[in-house]
Amino acid sequence: MLKAAVFDFDGVLADSEMVHLEAFNLALARFGVQIGVQQYMDLYLGLTDRECVETVISQGLLEVDAQTAEALVADKKRIYGQLARAETRLIDGVLPFLQMLSSHGIHMAICSGALKEEILAFTDRTNLTGYFKVIVSADDVTKGKPDPEGFLLTLARLNDLAGPIKPQDCVVIEDSRWGIAAAWAAGMHTVAVTNTYGPSELAQADLIVSRLDQLSIDDLHRLTSR
């Protein structure tokens, strides 16, 4: 039975994936490095900022010491914060879906590789803060998706507030194969929304939709009863 819905942030709630790429490229510009859209989609999307920088280094595109790498992470964070206020919007269909879940007493949480201050700035600006009992961000975990650490921590915190909730009582809303894999590893059901990737990239999900407001509460209860 559905008891909780856990949302990714970038690409699920916030139309922000390309804003992250823009910020990343602006931070990398002083090193003469730029990441293309397809390259970002294939290798970087879903990673934390630190993991993105580590990937650039591991790909041989950048040679810097640890201190410079940390400064690059900080630069990207600062630039994203400046861009996000003007360029990041709430994805269509999200608000009616949140309202439906809330009206049926479903607990909601965010589990994301974004920074907590980025998530809170957006939820405050879009008046969504009250919907989410728990927010787990890159600040809270040591391993990003596809590792299930974030989802397991989210469930533990939901149980502290509103338990008992089992993994099979949870639906995870994701936009990438990394997030879907992490949710599966945590024992949770998955809904993929095609905001970032097409259906063929998201085939591992239990359900695939183009907008969240296409889903009914009965759809979600049927999913968690499998």
C-alpha atoms as a PDB file:
ATOM      1  CA  MET A   1       0.000   0.000   0.000  1.00  0.00           C
ATOM      2  CA  LEU A   2       1.293   3.430  -0.890  1.00  0.00           C
ATOM      3  CA  LYS A   3       2.444   5.367   2.166  1.00  0.00           C
ATOM      4  CA  ALA A   4       5.226   7.619   0.845  1.00  0.00           C
ATOM      5  CA  ALA A   5       6.379   9.282  -2.381  1.00  0.00           C
ATOM      6  CA  VAL A   6      10.042  10.214  -2.734  1.00  0.00           C
ATOM      7  CA  PHE A   7      10.995  12.755  -5.381  1.00  0.00           C
ATOM      8  CA  ASP A   8      14.229  13.467  -7.147  1.00  0.00           C
ATOM      9  CA  PHE A   9      14.708  17.223  -7.482  1.00  0.00           C
ATOM     10  CA  ASP A  10      16.477  18.325 -10.682  1.00  0.00           C
ATOM     11  CA  GLY A  11      14.439  17.238 -13.691  1.00  0.00           C
ATOM     12  CA  VAL A  12      11.492  16.036 -11.586  1.00  0.00           C
ATOM     13  CA  LEU A  13      10.408  19.058  -9.532  1.00  0.00           C
ATOM     14  CA  ALA A  14      12.680  21.736 -10.977  1.00  0.00           C
ATOM     15  CA  ASP A  15      13.417  22.332 -14.657  1.00  0.00           C
ATOM     16  CA  SER A  16      17.064  22.843 -13.824  1.00  0.00           C
ATOM     17  CA  GLU A  17      19.269  20.240 -15.527  1.00  0.00           C
ATOM     18  CA  MET A  18      20.499  22.594 -18.259  1.00  0.00           C
ATOM     19  CA  VAL A  19      21.004  25.349 -15.679  1.00  0.00           C
ATOM     20  CA  HIS A  20      23.415  23.001 -13.887  1.00  0.00           C
ATOM     21  CA  LEU A  21      25.267  22.394 -17.164  1.00  0.00           C
ATOM     22  CA  GLU A  22      25.474  26.123 -17.858  1.00  0.00           C
ATOM     23  CA  ALA A  23      26.869  26.758 -14.371  1.00  0.00           C
ATOM     24  CA  PHE A  24      29.324  23.866 -14.688  1.00  0.00           C
ATOM     25  CA  ASN A  25      30.614  25.156 -18.018  1.00  0.00           C
ATOM     26  CA  LEU A  26      30.982  28.712 -16.706  1.00  0.00           C
ATOM     27  CA  ALA A  27      33.032  27.371 -13.794  1.00  0.00           C
ATOM     28  CA  LEU A  28      35.157  25.264 -16.157  1.00  0.00           C
ATOM     29  CA  ALA A  29      35.715  28.058 -18.662  1.00  0.00           C
ATOM     30  CA  ARG A  30      38.863  29.382 -16.979  1.00  0.00           C
ATOM     31  CA  PHE A  31      40.461  25.969 -17.528  1.00  0.00           C
ATOM     32  CA  GLY A  32      39.535  25.917 -21.214  1.00  0.00           C
ATOM     33  CA  VAL A  33      37.155  22.974 -20.700  1.00  0.00           C
ATOM     34  CA  GLN A  34      33.537  22.767 -21.871  1.00  0.00           C
ATOM     35  CA  ILE A  35      31.058  19.881 -21.587  1.00  0.00           C
ATOM     36  CA  GLY A  36      28.570  19.304 -24.415  1.00  0.00           C
ATOM     37  CA  VAL A  37      24.901  18.600 -23.792  1.00  0.00           C
ATOM     38  CA  GLN A  38      25.037  14.951 -24.900  1.00  0.00           C
ATOM     39  CA  GLN A  39      28.250  14.362 -22.951  1.00  0.00           C
ATOM     40  CA  TYR A  40      26.588  15.839 -19.867  1.00  0.00           C
ATOM     41  CA  MET A  41      23.489  13.693 -20.351  1.00  0.00           C
ATOM     42  CA  ASP A  42      25.559  10.534 -20.796  1.00  0.00           C
ATOM     43  CA  LEU A  43      28.095  10.973 -18.001  1.00  0.00           C
ATOM     44  CA  TYR A  44      27.298  13.773 -15.563  1.00  0.00           C
ATOM     45  CA  LEU A  45      23.562  14.193 -15.075  1.00  0.00           C
ATOM     46  CA  GLY A  46      22.504  12.894 -11.677  1.00  0.00           C
ATOM     47  CA  LEU A  47      25.960  13.271 -10.135  1.00  0.00           C
ATOM     48  CA  THR A  48      26.740  15.598  -7.271  1.00  0.00           C
ATOM     49  CA  ASP A  49      28.881  18.649  -8.046  1.00  0.00           C
ATOM     50  CA  ARG A  50      31.897  16.967  -6.512  1.00  0.00           C
ATOM     51  CA  GLU A  51      31.307  13.801  -8.531  1.00  0.00           C
ATOM     52  CA  CYS A  52      31.016  15.918 -11.692  1.00  0.00           C
ATOM     53  CA  VAL A  53      34.421  17.465 -11.059  1.00  0.00           C
ATOM     54  CA  GLU A  54      35.904  14.047 -10.257  1.00  0.00           C
ATOM     55  CA  THR A  55      34.502  12.738 -13.536  1.00  0.00           C
ATOM     56  CA  VAL A  56      36.020  15.592 -15.558  1.00  0.00           C
ATOM     57  CA  ILE A  57      39.366  14.767 -13.967  1.00  0.00           C
ATOM     58  CA  SER A  58      39.002  11.015 -14.509  1.00  0.00           C
ATOM     59  CA  GLN A  59      38.125  11.619 -18.164  1.00  0.00           C
ATOM     60  CA  GLY A  60      41.469  13.364 -18.596  1.00  0.00           C
ATOM     61  CA  LEU A  61      39.868  16.708 -19.423  1.00  0.00           C
ATOM     62  CA  LEU A  62      41.279  18.519 -16.412  1.00  0.00           C
ATOM     63  CA  GLU A  63      44.451  18.249 -14.355  1.00  0.00           C
ATOM     64  CA  VAL A  64      44.218  20.107 -11.047  1.00  0.00           C
ATOM     65  CA  ASP A  65      45.190  19.527  -7.440  1.00  0.00           C
ATOM     66  CA  ALA A  66      42.675  18.769  -4.702  1.00  0.00           C
ATOM     67  CA  GLN A  67      42.495  22.377  -3.521  1.00  0.00           C
ATOM     68  CA  THR A  68      41.715  23.661  -7.013  1.00  0.00           C
ATOM     69  CA  ALA A  69      39.123  20.936  -7.490  1.00  0.00           C
ATOM     70  CA  GLU A  70      37.355  22.053  -4.298  1.00  0.00           C
ATOM     71  CA  ALA A  71      37.469  25.657  -5.501  1.00  0.00           C
ATOM     72  CA  LEU A  72      35.880  24.552  -8.771  1.00  0.00           C
ATOM     73  CA  VAL A  73      33.055  22.850  -6.868  1.00  0.00           C
ATOM     74  CA  ALA A  74      32.512  26.083  -4.912  1.00  0.00           C
ATOM     75  CA  ASP A  75      32.550  28.171  -8.119  1.00  0.00           C
ATOM     76  CA  LYS A  76      29.918  25.964  -9.724  1.00  0.00           C
ATOM     77  CA  LYS A  77      27.726  26.194  -6.622  1.00  0.00           C
ATOM     78  CA  ARG A  78      27.999  30.000  -6.574  1.00  0.00           C
ATOM     79  CA  ILE A  79      27.261  30.378 -10.281  1.00  0.00           C
ATOM     80  CA  TYR A  80      24.304  28.001 -10.140  1.00  0.00           C
ATOM     81  CA  GLY A  81      22.826  29.973  -7.251  1.00  0.00           C
ATOM     82  CA  GLN A  82      22.988  33.148  -9.353  1.00  0.00           C
ATOM     83  CA  LEU A  83      21.459  31.525 -12.442  1.00  0.00           C
ATOM     84  CA  ALA A  84      18.787  29.460 -10.717  1.00  0.00           C
ATOM     85  CA  ARG A  85      16.792  32.400  -9.391  1.00  0.00           C
ATOM     86  CA  ALA A  86      16.096  33.592 -12.937  1.00  0.00           C
ATOM     87  CA  GLU A  87      16.201  30.391 -14.980  1.00  0.00           C
ATOM     88  CA  THR A  88      14.743  27.550 -12.869  1.00  0.00           C
ATOM     89  CA  ARG A  89      10.982  26.930 -12.894  1.00  0.00           C
ATOM     90  CA  LEU A  90       8.561  24.382 -11.473  1.00  0.00           C
ATOM     91  CA  ILE A  91       7.885  21.613 -13.990  1.00  0.00           C
ATOM     92  CA  ASP A  92       4.346  21.486 -15.379  1.00  0.00           C
ATOM     93  CA  GLY A  93       2.097  18.929 -13.697  1.00  0.00           C
ATOM     94  CA  VAL A  94       4.019  18.816 -10.432  1.00  0.00           C
ATOM     95  CA  LEU A  95       1.782  20.996  -8.275  1.00  0.00           C
ATOM     96  CA  PRO A  96      -1.497  19.130  -9.004  1.00  0.00           C
ATOM     97  CA  PHE A  97       0.295  15.849  -8.294  1.00  0.00           C
ATOM     98  CA  LEU A  98       1.609  17.095  -4.951  1.00  0.00           C
ATOM     99  CA  GLN A  99      -1.844  18.387  -4.048  1.00  0.00           C
ATOM    100  CA  MET A 100      -3.393  15.003  -4.891  1.00  0.00           C
ATOM    101  CA  LEU A 101      -0.889  13.109  -2.746  1.00  0.00           C
ATOM    102  CA  SER A 102      -1.356  15.525   0.138  1.00  0.00           C
ATOM    103  CA  SER A 103      -5.164  15.174  -0.024  1.00  0.00           C
ATOM    104  CA  HIS A 104      -4.766  11.399   0.408  1.00  0.00           C
ATOM    105  CA  GLY A 105      -2.372  11.663   3.345  1.00  0.00           C
ATOM    106  CA  ILE A 106       0.692  10.389   1.474  1.00  0.00           C
ATOM    107  CA  HIS A 107       4.004  11.379   3.061  1.00  0.00           C
ATOM    108  CA  MET A 108       6.400  13.137   0.691  1.00  0.00           C
ATOM    109  CA  ALA A 109      10.173  13.536   0.663  1.00  0.00           C
ATOM    110  CA  ILE A 110      12.959  14.694  -1.632  1.00  0.00           C
ATOM    111  CA  CYS A 111      16.087  12.619  -2.241  1.00  0.00           C
ATOM    112  CA  SER A 112      18.511  14.383  -4.557  1.00  0.00           C
ATOM    113  CA  GLY A 113      22.131  14.829  -5.505  1.00  0.00           C
ATOM    114  CA  ALA A 114      21.590  18.590  -5.384  1.00  0.00           C
ATOM    115  CA  LEU A 115      22.772  20.693  -2.459  1.00  0.00           C
ATOM    116  CA  LYS A 116      20.244  21.280   0.309  1.00  0.00           C
ATOM    117  CA  GLU A 117      20.440  25.048   0.061  1.00  0.00           C
ATOM    118  CA  GLU A 118      19.623  24.831  -3.675  1.00  0.00           C
ATOM    119  CA  ILE A 119      16.587  22.656  -2.950  1.00  0.00           C
ATOM    120  CA  LEU A 120      15.350  24.864  -0.106  1.00  0.00           C
ATOM    121  CA  ALA A 121      15.797  28.052  -2.136  1.00  0.00           C
ATOM    122  CA  PHE A 122      13.596  26.580  -4.863  1.00  0.00           C
ATOM    123  CA  THR A 123      10.919  25.077  -2.611  1.00  0.00           C
ATOM    124  CA  ASP A 124      10.690  28.352  -0.688  1.00  0.00           C
ATOM    125  CA  ARG A 125      10.371  30.380  -3.893  1.00  0.00           C
ATOM    126  CA  THR A 126       7.694  28.072  -5.318  1.00  0.00           C
ATOM    127  CA  ASN A 127       5.782  27.609  -2.031  1.00  0.00           C
ATOM    128  CA  LEU A 128       6.411  23.849  -1.960  1.00  0.00           C
ATOM    129  CA  THR A 129       8.231  23.580   1.366  1.00  0.00           C
ATOM    130  CA  GLY A 130       5.191  22.426   3.312  1.00  0.00           C
ATOM    131  CA  TYR A 131       4.714  19.348   1.156  1.00  0.00           C
ATOM    132  CA  PHE A 132       7.982  17.642   2.088  1.00  0.00           C
ATOM    133  CA  LYS A 133       8.564  16.087   5.509  1.00  0.00           C
ATOM    134  CA  VAL A 134      12.137  15.027   4.688  1.00  0.00           C
ATOM    135  CA  ILE A 135      14.841  16.364   2.352  1.00  0.00           C
ATOM    136  CA  VAL A 136      17.969  14.285   1.784  1.00  0.00           C
ATOM    137  CA  SER A 137      20.588  16.000  -0.358  1.00  0.00           C
ATOM    138  CA  ALA A 138      24.202  15.646  -1.440  1.00  0.00           C
ATOM    139  CA  ASP A 139      25.155  17.117   1.934  1.00  0.00           C
ATOM    140  CA  ASP A 140      23.741  14.052   3.718  1.00  0.00           C
ATOM    141  CA  VAL A 141      25.345  11.119   1.878  1.00  0.00           C
ATOM    142  CA  THR A 142      28.784   9.810   0.993  1.00  0.00           C
ATOM    143  CA  LYS A 143      27.663   7.997  -2.182  1.00  0.00           C
ATOM    144  CA  GLY A 144      25.408   9.424  -4.869  1.00  0.00           C
ATOM    145  CA  LYS A 145      22.973   7.583  -7.105  1.00  0.00           C
ATOM    146  CA  PRO A 146      22.938   4.801  -8.338  1.00  0.00           C
ATOM    147  CA  ASP A 147      23.978   3.874  -4.798  1.00  0.00           C
ATOM    148  CA  PRO A 148      20.806   3.470  -2.656  1.00  0.00           C
ATOM    149  CA  GLU A 149      22.277   5.274   0.382  1.00  0.00           C
ATOM    150  CA  GLY A 150      20.156   8.391  -0.136  1.00  0.00           C
ATOM    151  CA  PHE A 151      16.876   6.514  -0.480  1.00  0.00           C
ATOM    152  CA  LEU A 152      17.578   4.335   2.542  1.00  0.00           C
ATOM    153  CA  LEU A 153      18.379   7.422   4.608  1.00  0.00           C
ATOM    154  CA  THR A 154      15.193   9.092   3.360  1.00  0.00           C
ATOM    155  CA  LEU A 155      13.138   6.086   4.445  1.00  0.00           C
ATOM    156  CA  ALA A 156      14.820   6.009   7.862  1.00  0.00           C
ATOM    157  CA  ARG A 157      13.990   9.693   8.400  1.00  0.00           C
ATOM    158  CA  LEU A 158      10.399   9.209   7.235  1.00  0.00           C
ATOM    159  CA  ASN A 159      10.054   6.351   9.707  1.00  0.00           C
ATOM    160  CA  ASP A 160      11.353   8.575  12.491  1.00  0.00           C
ATOM    161  CA  LEU A 161       8.536  11.006  11.718  1.00  0.00           C
ATOM    162  CA  ALA A 162       5.703   8.879  10.400  1.00  0.00           C
ATOM    163  CA  GLY A 163       6.620   5.172  10.517  1.00  0.00           C
ATOM    164  CA  PRO A 164       6.290   2.329  10.063  1.00  0.00           C
ATOM    165  CA  ILE A 165       6.914   2.578   6.297  1.00  0.00           C
ATOM    166  CA  LYS A 166       8.533  -0.274   4.365  1.00  0.00           C
ATOM    167  CA  PRO A 167      10.504   0.163   1.127  1.00  0.00           C
ATOM    168  CA  GLN A 168       7.697  -1.520  -0.828  1.00  0.00           C
ATOM    169  CA  ASP A 169       5.282   1.137   0.501  1.00  0.00           C
ATOM    170  CA  CYS A 170       7.280   3.841  -1.313  1.00  0.00           C
ATOM    171  CA  VAL A 171       7.102   5.168  -4.862  1.00  0.00           C
ATOM    172  CA  VAL A 172      10.171   6.998  -6.126  1.00  0.00           C
ATOM    173  CA  ILE A 173       9.748   9.623  -8.863  1.00  0.00           C
ATOM    174  CA  GLU A 174      12.858   9.902 -11.038  1.00  0.00           C
ATOM    175  CA  ASP A 175      14.022  11.211 -14.402  1.00  0.00           C
ATOM    176  CA  SER A 176      17.228   9.202 -14.931  1.00  0.00           C
ATOM    177  CA  ARG A 177      18.403   5.607 -15.016  1.00  0.00           C
ATOM    178  CA  TRP A 178      20.808   6.298 -12.140  1.00  0.00           C
ATOM    179  CA  GLY A 179      17.954   7.312  -9.867  1.00  0.00           C
ATOM    180  CA  ILE A 180      15.802   4.379 -10.961  1.00  0.00           C
ATOM    181  CA  ALA A 181      18.653   1.954 -10.255  1.00  0.00           C
ATOM    182  CA  ALA A 182      19.165   3.468  -6.802  1.00  0.00           C
ATOM    183  CA  ALA A 183      15.463   3.168  -5.985  1.00  0.00           C
ATOM    184  CA  TRP A 184      15.369  -0.452  -7.109  1.00  0.00           C
ATOM    185  CA  ALA A 185      18.435  -1.201  -4.972  1.00  0.00           C
ATOM    186  CA  ALA A 186      16.566   0.294  -2.003  1.00  0.00           C
ATOM    187  CA  GLY A 187      13.583  -1.998  -2.659  1.00  0.00           C
ATOM    188  CA  MET A 188      11.226   0.790  -3.747  1.00  0.00           C
ATOM    189  CA  HIS A 189       8.807   1.097  -6.664  1.00  0.00           C
ATOM    190  CA  THR A 190       9.622   3.550  -9.437  1.00  0.00           C
ATOM    191  CA  VAL A 191       7.870   6.038 -11.690  1.00  0.00           C
ATOM    192  CA  ALA A 192       9.947   7.685 -14.413  1.00  0.00           C
ATOM    193  CA  VAL A 193       8.960  11.037 -15.882  1.00  0.00           C
ATOM    194  CA  THR A 194      10.293  11.852 -19.363  1.00  0.00           C
ATOM    195  CA  ASN A 195      11.417  15.400 -18.607  1.00  0.00           C
ATOM    196  CA  THR A 196      15.075  14.615 -19.301  1.00  0.00           C
ATOM    197  CA  TYR A 197      15.325  11.248 -21.075  1.00  0.00           C
ATOM    198  CA  GLY A 198      13.005   9.382 -23.405  1.00  0.00           C
ATOM    199  CA  PRO A 199      11.153   6.162 -22.494  1.00  0.00           C
ATOM    200  CA  SER A 200      13.860   3.902 -23.918  1.00  0.00           C
ATOM    201  CA  GLU A 201      16.373   5.307 -21.408  1.00  0.00           C
ATOM    202  CA  LEU A 202      13.924   4.785 -18.533  1.00  0.00           C
ATOM    203  CA  ALA A 203      12.678   1.292 -19.360  1.00  0.00           C
ATOM    204  CA  GLN A 204      13.748  -0.104 -15.981  1.00  0.00           C
ATOM    205  CA  ALA A 205      11.012   1.923 -14.226  1.00  0.00           C
ATOM    206  CA  ASP A 206       7.701   0.341 -13.200  1.00  0.00           C
ATOM    207  CA  LEU A 207       5.743   3.168 -14.853  1.00  0.00           C
ATOM    208  CA  ILE A 208       6.749   5.884 -17.332  1.00  0.00           C
ATOM    209  CA  VAL A 209       4.789   9.130 -17.783  1.00  0.00           C
ATOM    210  CA  SER A 210       5.353  12.429 -19.549  1.00  0.00           C
ATOM    211  CA  ARG A 211       3.716  14.463 -16.768  1.00  0.00           C
ATOM    212  CA  LEU A 212       3.110  13.621 -13.132  1.00  0.00           C
ATOM    213  CA  ASP A 213      -0.486  14.812 -13.223  1.00  0.00           C
ATOM    214  CA  GLN A 214      -1.233  11.914 -15.579  1.00  0.00           C
ATOM    215  CA  LEU A 215      -1.063   9.624 -12.525  1.00  0.00           C
ATOM    216  CA  SER A 216      -3.995   8.899 -10.221  1.00  0.00           C
ATOM    217  CA  ILE A 217      -3.835   7.763  -6.624  1.00  0.00           C
ATOM    218  CA  ASP A 218      -5.256   4.415  -7.787  1.00  0.00           C
ATOM    219  CA  ASP A 219      -2.329   4.017 -10.222  1.00  0.00           C
ATOM    220  CA  LEU A 220       0.101   4.418  -7.347  1.00  0.00           C
ATOM    221  CA  HIS A 221      -1.785   2.097  -4.997  1.00  0.00           C
ATOM    222  CA  ARG A 222      -1.837  -0.587  -7.711  1.00  0.00           C
ATOM    223  CA  LEU A 223       1.899  -0.138  -8.196  1.00  0.00           C
ATOM    224  CA  THR A 224       2.699  -0.635  -4.525  1.00  0.00           C
ATOM    225  CA  SER A 225       0.408  -3.645  -4.248  1.00  0.00           C
ATOM    226  CA  ARG A 226       2.490  -5.665  -6.719  1.00  0.00           C
END
